[in-house]
Amino acid sequence: MATYILVTRLSPELTRDLKKRAEIGRKWMERVKKDCPEVKFLGHYALLGPYDFLDIYEAPDEEAAAKVSMISLSGGATSAESWTAIPYKKFLDLIKNL
């Protein structure tokens, strides 16, 4: 499976009441697990910067990765981007003959 990075920015409505943050995150993860059972999460981080959260996950293809982003958007994120992450050793192999 390929590795992806998801960065999300939440809507102001979702960041006003921080006490509900755990419940909102739990519901989001339940929906991802239901709609994308093939996706495996490797890490979840809160960020201080232009994005609110960063997730590292494995998915079988870009369609599954896109679903994860769309679930985030439908749940109130104002921005959700999934990026392909290439392991550094594989990257070096790719550029070896360029």
PDB file of N, CA and C in Angstrom:
ATOM      1  N   MET A   1       0.846  -1.188   0.000  1.00  0.00           N
ATOM      2  CA  MET A   1       0.000   0.000   0.000  1.00  0.00           C
ATOM      3  C   MET A   1       0.883   1.240   0.000  1.00  0.00           C
ATOM      4  N   ALA A   2       0.344   2.296  -0.560  1.00  0.00           N
ATOM      5  CA  ALA A   2       1.052   3.574  -0.597  1.00  0.00           C
ATOM      6  C   ALA A   2       0.816   4.349   0.696  1.00  0.00           C
ATOM      7  N   THR A   3       1.762   5.223   1.024  1.00  0.00           N
ATOM      8  CA  THR A   3       1.650   6.071   2.203  1.00  0.00           C
ATOM      9  C   THR A   3       1.169   7.451   1.776  1.00  0.00           C
ATOM     10  N   TYR A   4       0.260   8.015   2.561  1.00  0.00           N
ATOM     11  CA  TYR A   4      -0.294   9.341   2.295  1.00  0.00           C
ATOM     12  C   TYR A   4      -0.225  10.193   3.551  1.00  0.00           C
ATOM     13  N   ILE A   5      -0.170  11.491   3.326  1.00  0.00           N
ATOM     14  CA  ILE A   5      -0.218  12.487   4.395  1.00  0.00           C
ATOM     15  C   ILE A   5      -1.499  13.278   4.193  1.00  0.00           C
ATOM     16  N   LEU A   6      -2.301  13.426   5.230  1.00  0.00           N
ATOM     17  CA  LEU A   6      -3.508  14.246   5.183  1.00  0.00           C
ATOM     18  C   LEU A   6      -3.305  15.443   6.099  1.00  0.00           C
ATOM     19  N   VAL A   7      -3.465  16.633   5.545  1.00  0.00           N
ATOM     20  CA  VAL A   7      -3.452  17.833   6.378  1.00  0.00           C
ATOM     21  C   VAL A   7      -4.841  18.450   6.306  1.00  0.00           C
ATOM     22  N   THR A   8      -5.355  18.836   7.468  1.00  0.00           N
ATOM     23  CA  THR A   8      -6.691  19.423   7.517  1.00  0.00           C
ATOM     24  C   THR A   8      -6.677  20.734   8.281  1.00  0.00           C
ATOM     25  N   ARG A   9      -7.559  21.594   7.848  1.00  0.00           N
ATOM     26  CA  ARG A   9      -7.826  22.861   8.530  1.00  0.00           C
ATOM     27  C   ARG A   9      -9.310  22.830   8.877  1.00  0.00           C
ATOM     28  N   LEU A  10      -9.619  23.019  10.142  1.00  0.00           N
ATOM     29  CA  LEU A  10     -11.002  22.940  10.600  1.00  0.00           C
ATOM     30  C   LEU A  10     -11.732  24.262  10.427  1.00  0.00           C
ATOM     31  N   SER A  11     -13.039  24.159  10.303  1.00  0.00           N
ATOM     32  CA  SER A  11     -13.858  25.372  10.249  1.00  0.00           C
ATOM     33  C   SER A  11     -13.863  26.015  11.633  1.00  0.00           C
ATOM     34  N   PRO A  12     -14.084  27.317  11.710  1.00  0.00           N
ATOM     35  CA  PRO A  12     -14.125  27.986  13.022  1.00  0.00           C
ATOM     36  C   PRO A  12     -15.162  27.383  13.966  1.00  0.00           C
ATOM     37  N   GLU A  13     -16.270  26.892  13.412  1.00  0.00           N
ATOM     38  CA  GLU A  13     -17.318  26.290  14.248  1.00  0.00           C
ATOM     39  C   GLU A  13     -16.795  25.069  15.007  1.00  0.00           C
ATOM     40  N   LEU A  14     -15.895  24.321  14.375  1.00  0.00           N
ATOM     41  CA  LEU A  14     -15.359  23.110  15.005  1.00  0.00           C
ATOM     42  C   LEU A  14     -14.235  23.398  15.997  1.00  0.00           C
ATOM     43  N   THR A  15     -13.724  24.598  15.994  1.00  0.00           N
ATOM     44  CA  THR A  15     -12.623  24.914  16.911  1.00  0.00           C
ATOM     45  C   THR A  15     -13.068  25.774  18.089  1.00  0.00           C
ATOM     46  N   ARG A  16     -14.307  26.221  18.096  1.00  0.00           N
ATOM     47  CA  ARG A  16     -14.772  27.100  19.184  1.00  0.00           C
ATOM     48  C   ARG A  16     -14.900  26.373  20.516  1.00  0.00           C
ATOM     49  N   ASP A  17     -15.494  25.185  20.487  1.00  0.00           N
ATOM     50  CA  ASP A  17     -15.693  24.432  21.724  1.00  0.00           C
ATOM     51  C   ASP A  17     -14.699  23.265  21.755  1.00  0.00           C
ATOM     52  N   LEU A  18     -13.548  23.509  22.332  1.00  0.00           N
ATOM     53  CA  LEU A  18     -12.485  22.505  22.346  1.00  0.00           C
ATOM     54  C   LEU A  18     -12.843  21.272  23.161  1.00  0.00           C
ATOM     55  N   LYS A  19     -13.806  21.389  24.068  1.00  0.00           N
ATOM     56  CA  LYS A  19     -14.200  20.240  24.886  1.00  0.00           C
ATOM     57  C   LYS A  19     -14.876  19.161  24.048  1.00  0.00           C
ATOM     58  N   LYS A  20     -15.405  19.523  22.879  1.00  0.00           N
ATOM     59  CA  LYS A  20     -16.055  18.554  22.000  1.00  0.00           C
ATOM     60  C   LYS A  20     -15.076  17.944  20.992  1.00  0.00           C
ATOM     61  N   ARG A  21     -13.832  18.375  21.036  1.00  0.00           N
ATOM     62  CA  ARG A  21     -12.851  17.952  20.040  1.00  0.00           C
ATOM     63  C   ARG A  21     -12.677  16.428  19.999  1.00  0.00           C
ATOM     64  N   ALA A  22     -12.585  15.780  21.155  1.00  0.00           N
ATOM     65  CA  ALA A  22     -12.385  14.328  21.196  1.00  0.00           C
ATOM     66  C   ALA A  22     -13.565  13.599  20.564  1.00  0.00           C
ATOM     67  N   GLU A  23     -14.774  14.047  20.853  1.00  0.00           N
ATOM     68  CA  GLU A  23     -15.963  13.397  20.288  1.00  0.00           C
ATOM     69  C   GLU A  23     -16.023  13.583  18.770  1.00  0.00           C
ATOM     70  N   ILE A  24     -15.712  14.779  18.292  1.00  0.00           N
ATOM     71  CA  ILE A  24     -15.713  15.046  16.854  1.00  0.00           C
ATOM     72  C   ILE A  24     -14.668  14.171  16.163  1.00  0.00           C
ATOM     73  N   GLY A  25     -13.480  14.067  16.741  1.00  0.00           N
ATOM     74  CA  GLY A  25     -12.431  13.237  16.178  1.00  0.00           C
ATOM     75  C   GLY A  25     -12.796  11.763  16.171  1.00  0.00           C
ATOM     76  N   ARG A  26     -13.442  11.303  17.229  1.00  0.00           N
ATOM     77  CA  ARG A  26     -13.870   9.904  17.304  1.00  0.00           C
ATOM     78  C   ARG A  26     -14.893   9.592  16.213  1.00  0.00           C
ATOM     79  N   LYS A  27     -15.857  10.494  16.019  1.00  0.00           N
ATOM     80  CA  LYS A  27     -16.883  10.293  14.983  1.00  0.00           C
ATOM     81  C   LYS A  27     -16.256  10.294  13.588  1.00  0.00           C
ATOM     82  N   TRP A  28     -15.272  11.181  13.375  1.00  0.00           N
ATOM     83  CA  TRP A  28     -14.584  11.227  12.083  1.00  0.00           C
ATOM     84  C   TRP A  28     -13.882   9.899  11.819  1.00  0.00           C
ATOM     85  N   MET A  29     -13.162   9.378  12.807  1.00  0.00           N
ATOM     86  CA  MET A  29     -12.436   8.125  12.636  1.00  0.00           C
ATOM     87  C   MET A  29     -13.397   6.962  12.409  1.00  0.00           C
ATOM     88  N   GLU A  30     -14.516   6.942  13.107  1.00  0.00           N
ATOM     89  CA  GLU A  30     -15.522   5.890  12.899  1.00  0.00           C
ATOM     90  C   GLU A  30     -16.020   5.900  11.457  1.00  0.00           C
ATOM     91  N   ARG A  31     -16.257   7.088  10.936  1.00  0.00           N
ATOM     92  CA  ARG A  31     -16.751   7.194   9.558  1.00  0.00           C
ATOM     93  C   ARG A  31     -15.686   6.743   8.556  1.00  0.00           C
ATOM     94  N   VAL A  32     -14.437   7.124   8.778  1.00  0.00           N
ATOM     95  CA  VAL A  32     -13.363   6.684   7.883  1.00  0.00           C
ATOM     96  C   VAL A  32     -13.251   5.165   7.923  1.00  0.00           C
ATOM     97  N   LYS A  33     -13.294   4.577   9.115  1.00  0.00           N
ATOM     98  CA  LYS A  33     -13.182   3.121   9.235  1.00  0.00           C
ATOM     99  C   LYS A  33     -14.347   2.413   8.542  1.00  0.00           C
ATOM    100  N   LYS A  34     -15.537   3.011   8.618  1.00  0.00           N
ATOM    101  CA  LYS A  34     -16.721   2.417   7.983  1.00  0.00           C
ATOM    102  C   LYS A  34     -16.634   2.531   6.465  1.00  0.00           C
ATOM    103  N   ASP A  35     -16.287   3.706   5.967  1.00  0.00           N
ATOM    104  CA  ASP A  35     -16.300   3.964   4.520  1.00  0.00           C
ATOM    105  C   ASP A  35     -15.000   3.565   3.820  1.00  0.00           C
ATOM    106  N   CYS A  36     -13.914   3.441   4.568  1.00  0.00           N
ATOM    107  CA  CYS A  36     -12.607   3.104   3.993  1.00  0.00           C
ATOM    108  C   CYS A  36     -11.917   2.055   4.859  1.00  0.00           C
ATOM    109  N   PRO A  37     -12.486   0.855   4.961  1.00  0.00           N
ATOM    110  CA  PRO A  37     -11.906  -0.138   5.871  1.00  0.00           C
ATOM    111  C   PRO A  37     -10.494  -0.576   5.501  1.00  0.00           C
ATOM    112  N   GLU A  38     -10.100  -0.343   4.259  1.00  0.00           N
ATOM    113  CA  GLU A  38      -8.766  -0.739   3.810  1.00  0.00           C
ATOM    114  C   GLU A  38      -7.676   0.248   4.229  1.00  0.00           C
ATOM    115  N   VAL A  39      -8.056   1.412   4.724  1.00  0.00           N
ATOM    116  CA  VAL A  39      -7.101   2.445   5.122  1.00  0.00           C
ATOM    117  C   VAL A  39      -6.552   2.132   6.513  1.00  0.00           C
ATOM    118  N   LYS A  40      -5.225   2.251   6.661  1.00  0.00           N
ATOM    119  CA  LYS A  40      -4.570   1.991   7.955  1.00  0.00           C
ATOM    120  C   LYS A  40      -3.853   3.265   8.407  1.00  0.00           C
ATOM    121  N   PHE A  41      -4.238   3.788   9.574  1.00  0.00           N
ATOM    122  CA  PHE A  41      -3.620   5.003  10.097  1.00  0.00           C
ATOM    123  C   PHE A  41      -2.347   4.662  10.855  1.00  0.00           C
ATOM    124  N   LEU A  42      -1.304   5.445  10.580  1.00  0.00           N
ATOM    125  CA  LEU A  42       0.007   5.239  11.202  1.00  0.00           C
ATOM    126  C   LEU A  42       0.323   6.304  12.241  1.00  0.00           C
ATOM    127  N   GLY A  43      -0.291   7.486  12.110  1.00  0.00           N
ATOM    128  CA  GLY A  43      -0.025   8.565  13.048  1.00  0.00           C
ATOM    129  C   GLY A  43      -1.035   9.682  12.911  1.00  0.00           C
ATOM    130  N   HIS A  44      -1.301  10.375  14.019  1.00  0.00           N
ATOM    131  CA  HIS A  44      -2.248  11.496  14.038  1.00  0.00           C
ATOM    132  C   HIS A  44      -1.648  12.577  14.935  1.00  0.00           C
ATOM    133  N   TYR A  45      -1.533  13.789  14.392  1.00  0.00           N
ATOM    134  CA  TYR A  45      -0.867  14.879  15.117  1.00  0.00           C
ATOM    135  C   TYR A  45      -1.682  16.155  15.048  1.00  0.00           C
ATOM    136  N   ALA A  46      -1.743  16.874  16.158  1.00  0.00           N
ATOM    137  CA  ALA A  46      -2.279  18.231  16.179  1.00  0.00           C
ATOM    138  C   ALA A  46      -1.122  19.158  15.828  1.00  0.00           C
ATOM    139  N   LEU A  47      -1.402  20.183  15.043  1.00  0.00           N
ATOM    140  CA  LEU A  47      -0.354  21.083  14.570  1.00  0.00           C
ATOM    141  C   LEU A  47      -0.575  22.497  15.067  1.00  0.00           C
ATOM    142  N   LEU A  48       0.514  23.228  15.183  1.00  0.00           N
ATOM    143  CA  LEU A  48       0.479  24.662  15.467  1.00  0.00           C
ATOM    144  C   LEU A  48       0.994  25.332  14.204  1.00  0.00           C
ATOM    145  N   GLY A  49       0.110  25.883  13.415  1.00  0.00           N
ATOM    146  CA  GLY A  49       0.500  26.464  12.133  1.00  0.00           C
ATOM    147  C   GLY A  49      -0.714  26.615  11.235  1.00  0.00           C
ATOM    148  N   PRO A  50      -0.515  26.630   9.924  1.00  0.00           N
ATOM    149  CA  PRO A  50      -1.628  26.873   9.014  1.00  0.00           C
ATOM    150  C   PRO A  50      -2.634  25.716   8.949  1.00  0.00           C
ATOM    151  N   TYR A  51      -2.240  24.519   9.361  1.00  0.00           N
ATOM    152  CA  TYR A  51      -3.153  23.384   9.406  1.00  0.00           C
ATOM    153  C   TYR A  51      -3.380  22.999  10.856  1.00  0.00           C
ATOM    154  N   ASP A  52      -4.517  22.360  11.112  1.00  0.00           N
ATOM    155  CA  ASP A  52      -4.854  21.941  12.469  1.00  0.00           C
ATOM    156  C   ASP A  52      -4.388  20.521  12.789  1.00  0.00           C
ATOM    157  N   PHE A  53      -4.438  19.622  11.789  1.00  0.00           N
ATOM    158  CA  PHE A  53      -4.083  18.222  12.022  1.00  0.00           C
ATOM    159  C   PHE A  53      -3.305  17.655  10.850  1.00  0.00           C
ATOM    160  N   LEU A  54      -2.475  16.660  11.156  1.00  0.00           N
ATOM    161  CA  LEU A  54      -1.729  15.919  10.155  1.00  0.00           C
ATOM    162  C   LEU A  54      -1.898  14.439  10.477  1.00  0.00           C
ATOM    163  N   ASP A  55      -2.290  13.672   9.474  1.00  0.00           N
ATOM    164  CA  ASP A  55      -2.431  12.229   9.623  1.00  0.00           C
ATOM    165  C   ASP A  55      -1.528  11.541   8.614  1.00  0.00           C
ATOM    166  N   ILE A  56      -0.928  10.450   9.028  1.00  0.00           N
ATOM    167  CA  ILE A  56      -0.133   9.614   8.139  1.00  0.00           C
ATOM    168  C   ILE A  56      -0.880   8.296   8.046  1.00  0.00           C
ATOM    169  N   TYR A  57      -1.161   7.868   6.814  1.00  0.00           N
ATOM    170  CA  TYR A  57      -1.919   6.637   6.654  1.00  0.00           C
ATOM    171  C   TYR A  57      -1.525   5.906   5.379  1.00  0.00           C
ATOM    172  N   GLU A  58      -1.871   4.641   5.322  1.00  0.00           N
ATOM    173  CA  GLU A  58      -1.647   3.827   4.140  1.00  0.00           C
ATOM    174  C   GLU A  58      -2.993   3.554   3.483  1.00  0.00           C
ATOM    175  N   ALA A  59      -3.004   3.609   2.156  1.00  0.00           N
ATOM    176  CA  ALA A  59      -4.204   3.324   1.390  1.00  0.00           C
ATOM    177  C   ALA A  59      -3.796   2.562   0.130  1.00  0.00           C
ATOM    178  N   PRO A  60      -4.692   1.744  -0.402  1.00  0.00           N
ATOM    179  CA  PRO A  60      -4.325   0.944  -1.567  1.00  0.00           C
ATOM    180  C   PRO A  60      -4.178   1.759  -2.854  1.00  0.00           C
ATOM    181  N   ASP A  61      -4.830   2.914  -2.918  1.00  0.00           N
ATOM    182  CA  ASP A  61      -4.769   3.720  -4.145  1.00  0.00           C
ATOM    183  C   ASP A  61      -5.231   5.147  -3.862  1.00  0.00           C
ATOM    184  N   GLU A  62      -5.106   6.003  -4.886  1.00  0.00           N
ATOM    185  CA  GLU A  62      -5.458   7.416  -4.707  1.00  0.00           C
ATOM    186  C   GLU A  62      -6.957   7.625  -4.518  1.00  0.00           C
ATOM    187  N   GLU A  63      -7.793   6.704  -5.006  1.00  0.00           N
ATOM    188  CA  GLU A  63      -9.234   6.844  -4.783  1.00  0.00           C
ATOM    189  C   GLU A  63      -9.569   6.711  -3.297  1.00  0.00           C
ATOM    190  N   ALA A  64      -8.960   5.756  -2.633  1.00  0.00           N
ATOM    191  CA  ALA A  64      -9.183   5.591  -1.188  1.00  0.00           C
ATOM    192  C   ALA A  64      -8.647   6.810  -0.435  1.00  0.00           C
ATOM    193  N   ALA A  65      -7.497   7.329  -0.846  1.00  0.00           N
ATOM    194  CA  ALA A  65      -6.930   8.519  -0.200  1.00  0.00           C
ATOM    195  C   ALA A  65      -7.855   9.718  -0.397  1.00  0.00           C
ATOM    196  N   ALA A  66      -8.429   9.847  -1.592  1.00  0.00           N
ATOM    197  CA  ALA A  66      -9.356  10.950  -1.857  1.00  0.00           C
ATOM    198  C   ALA A  66     -10.595  10.838  -0.977  1.00  0.00           C
ATOM    199  N   LYS A  67     -11.069   9.627  -0.740  1.00  0.00           N
ATOM    200  CA  LYS A  67     -12.235   9.445   0.129  1.00  0.00           C
ATOM    201  C   LYS A  67     -11.959   9.961   1.537  1.00  0.00           C
ATOM    202  N   VAL A  68     -10.761   9.708   2.034  1.00  0.00           N
ATOM    203  CA  VAL A  68     -10.415  10.187   3.387  1.00  0.00           C
ATOM    204  C   VAL A  68     -10.501  11.712   3.426  1.00  0.00           C
ATOM    205  N   SER A  69      -9.975  12.376   2.404  1.00  0.00           N
ATOM    206  CA  SER A  69     -10.059  13.838   2.344  1.00  0.00           C
ATOM    207  C   SER A  69     -11.504  14.304   2.267  1.00  0.00           C
ATOM    208  N   MET A  70     -12.296  13.644   1.435  1.00  0.00           N
ATOM    209  CA  MET A  70     -13.695  14.060   1.264  1.00  0.00           C
ATOM    210  C   MET A  70     -14.514  13.850   2.527  1.00  0.00           C
ATOM    211  N   ILE A  71     -14.206  12.791   3.275  1.00  0.00           N
ATOM    212  CA  ILE A  71     -14.881  12.586   4.559  1.00  0.00           C
ATOM    213  C   ILE A  71     -14.548  13.738   5.497  1.00  0.00           C
ATOM    214  N   SER A  72     -13.306  14.188   5.487  1.00  0.00           N
ATOM    215  CA  SER A  72     -12.907  15.327   6.324  1.00  0.00           C
ATOM    216  C   SER A  72     -13.669  16.582   5.923  1.00  0.00           C
ATOM    217  N   LEU A  73     -13.766  16.825   4.629  1.00  0.00           N
ATOM    218  CA  LEU A  73     -14.488  18.008   4.147  1.00  0.00           C
ATOM    219  C   LEU A  73     -15.972  17.937   4.501  1.00  0.00           C
ATOM    220  N   SER A  74     -16.559  16.758   4.365  1.00  0.00           N
ATOM    221  CA  SER A  74     -17.988  16.637   4.675  1.00  0.00           C
ATOM    222  C   SER A  74     -18.249  16.748   6.172  1.00  0.00           C
ATOM    223  N   GLY A  75     -17.202  16.560   6.990  1.00  0.00           N
ATOM    224  CA  GLY A  75     -17.342  16.660   8.438  1.00  0.00           C
ATOM    225  C   GLY A  75     -17.049  18.035   9.005  1.00  0.00           C
ATOM    226  N   GLY A  76     -16.807  19.017   8.139  1.00  0.00           N
ATOM    227  CA  GLY A  76     -16.625  20.382   8.616  1.00  0.00           C
ATOM    228  C   GLY A  76     -15.242  20.968   8.442  1.00  0.00           C
ATOM    229  N   ALA A  77     -14.324  20.231   7.846  1.00  0.00           N
ATOM    230  CA  ALA A  77     -13.003  20.809   7.570  1.00  0.00           C
ATOM    231  C   ALA A  77     -13.148  21.821   6.429  1.00  0.00           C
ATOM    232  N   THR A  78     -12.435  22.925   6.513  1.00  0.00           N
ATOM    233  CA  THR A  78     -12.459  23.894   5.413  1.00  0.00           C
ATOM    234  C   THR A  78     -11.420  23.557   4.358  1.00  0.00           C
ATOM    235  N   SER A  79     -10.453  22.717   4.728  1.00  0.00           N
ATOM    236  CA  SER A  79      -9.416  22.282   3.802  1.00  0.00           C
ATOM    237  C   SER A  79      -8.960  20.892   4.227  1.00  0.00           C
ATOM    238  N   ALA A  80      -8.818  20.006   3.246  1.00  0.00           N
ATOM    239  CA  ALA A  80      -8.310  18.664   3.511  1.00  0.00           C
ATOM    240  C   ALA A  80      -7.529  18.225   2.281  1.00  0.00           C
ATOM    241  N   GLU A  81      -6.248  18.004   2.455  1.00  0.00           N
ATOM    242  CA  GLU A  81      -5.389  17.631   1.336  1.00  0.00           C
ATOM    243  C   GLU A  81      -4.674  16.333   1.662  1.00  0.00           C
ATOM    244  N   SER A  82      -4.740  15.390   0.722  1.00  0.00           N
ATOM    245  CA  SER A  82      -3.986  14.149   0.858  1.00  0.00           C
ATOM    246  C   SER A  82      -2.828  14.189  -0.124  1.00  0.00           C
ATOM    247  N   TRP A  83      -1.636  13.964   0.385  1.00  0.00           N
ATOM    248  CA  TRP A  83      -0.425  14.002  -0.428  1.00  0.00           C
ATOM    249  C   TRP A  83       0.210  12.616  -0.434  1.00  0.00           C
ATOM    250  N   THR A  84       0.769  12.229  -1.576  1.00  0.00           N
ATOM    251  CA  THR A  84       1.517  10.986  -1.660  1.00  0.00           C
ATOM    252  C   THR A  84       2.866  11.175  -0.964  1.00  0.00           C
ATOM    253  N   ALA A  85       3.250  10.212  -0.164  1.00  0.00           N
ATOM    254  CA  ALA A  85       4.543  10.255   0.520  1.00  0.00           C
ATOM    255  C   ALA A  85       5.392   9.098   0.002  1.00  0.00           C
ATOM    256  N   ILE A  86       6.535   9.416  -0.575  1.00  0.00           N
ATOM    257  CA  ILE A  86       7.435   8.399  -1.114  1.00  0.00           C
ATOM    258  C   ILE A  86       8.572   8.200  -0.117  1.00  0.00           C
ATOM    259  N   PRO A  87       8.794   6.957   0.334  1.00  0.00           N
ATOM    260  CA  PRO A  87       9.925   6.729   1.236  1.00  0.00           C
ATOM    261  C   PRO A  87      11.227   7.220   0.587  1.00  0.00           C
ATOM    262  N   TYR A  88      12.094   7.794   1.390  1.00  0.00           N
ATOM    263  CA  TYR A  88      13.307   8.437   0.864  1.00  0.00           C
ATOM    264  C   TYR A  88      14.171   7.471   0.047  1.00  0.00           C
ATOM    265  N   LYS A  89      14.330   6.243   0.518  1.00  0.00           N
ATOM    266  CA  LYS A  89      15.143   5.266  -0.210  1.00  0.00           C
ATOM    267  C   LYS A  89      14.540   4.989  -1.589  1.00  0.00           C
ATOM    268  N   LYS A  90      13.232   4.873  -1.656  1.00  0.00           N
ATOM    269  CA  LYS A  90      12.563   4.663  -2.938  1.00  0.00           C
ATOM    270  C   LYS A  90      12.731   5.885  -3.843  1.00  0.00           C
ATOM    271  N   PHE A  91      12.663   7.067  -3.266  1.00  0.00           N
ATOM    272  CA  PHE A  91      12.872   8.306  -4.008  1.00  0.00           C
ATOM    273  C   PHE A  91      14.274   8.321  -4.644  1.00  0.00           C
ATOM    274  N   LEU A  92      15.270   7.921  -3.852  1.00  0.00           N
ATOM    275  CA  LEU A  92      16.636   7.879  -4.379  1.00  0.00           C
ATOM    276  C   LEU A  92      16.752   6.882  -5.533  1.00  0.00           C
ATOM    277  N   ASP A  93      16.054   5.762  -5.418  1.00  0.00           N
ATOM    278  CA  ASP A  93      16.051   4.794  -6.521  1.00  0.00           C
ATOM    279  C   ASP A  93      15.395   5.379  -7.778  1.00  0.00           C
ATOM    280  N   LEU A  94      14.337   6.137  -7.581  1.00  0.00           N
ATOM    281  CA  LEU A  94      13.629   6.739  -8.710  1.00  0.00           C
ATOM    282  C   LEU A  94      14.496   7.727  -9.480  1.00  0.00           C
ATOM    283  N   ILE A  95      15.315   8.483  -8.771  1.00  0.00           N
ATOM    284  CA  ILE A  95      16.096   9.529  -9.432  1.00  0.00           C
ATOM    285  C   ILE A  95      17.481   9.063  -9.860  1.00  0.00           C
ATOM    286  N   LYS A  96      17.822   7.838  -9.539  1.00  0.00           N
ATOM    287  CA  LYS A  96      19.163   7.318  -9.807  1.00  0.00           C
ATOM    288  C   LYS A  96      19.565   7.467 -11.281  1.00  0.00           C
ATOM    289  N   ASN A  97      18.675   7.209 -12.194  1.00  0.00           N
ATOM    290  CA  ASN A  97      19.000   7.208 -13.609  1.00  0.00           C
ATOM    291  C   ASN A  97      18.538   8.468 -14.344  1.00  0.00           C
ATOM    292  N   LEU A  98      18.216   9.488 -13.647  1.00  0.00           N
ATOM    293  CA  LEU A  98      17.785  10.732 -14.295  1.00  0.00           C
ATOM    294  C   LEU A  98      18.967  11.553 -14.760  1.00  0.00           C
TER     295      LEU A  98
END
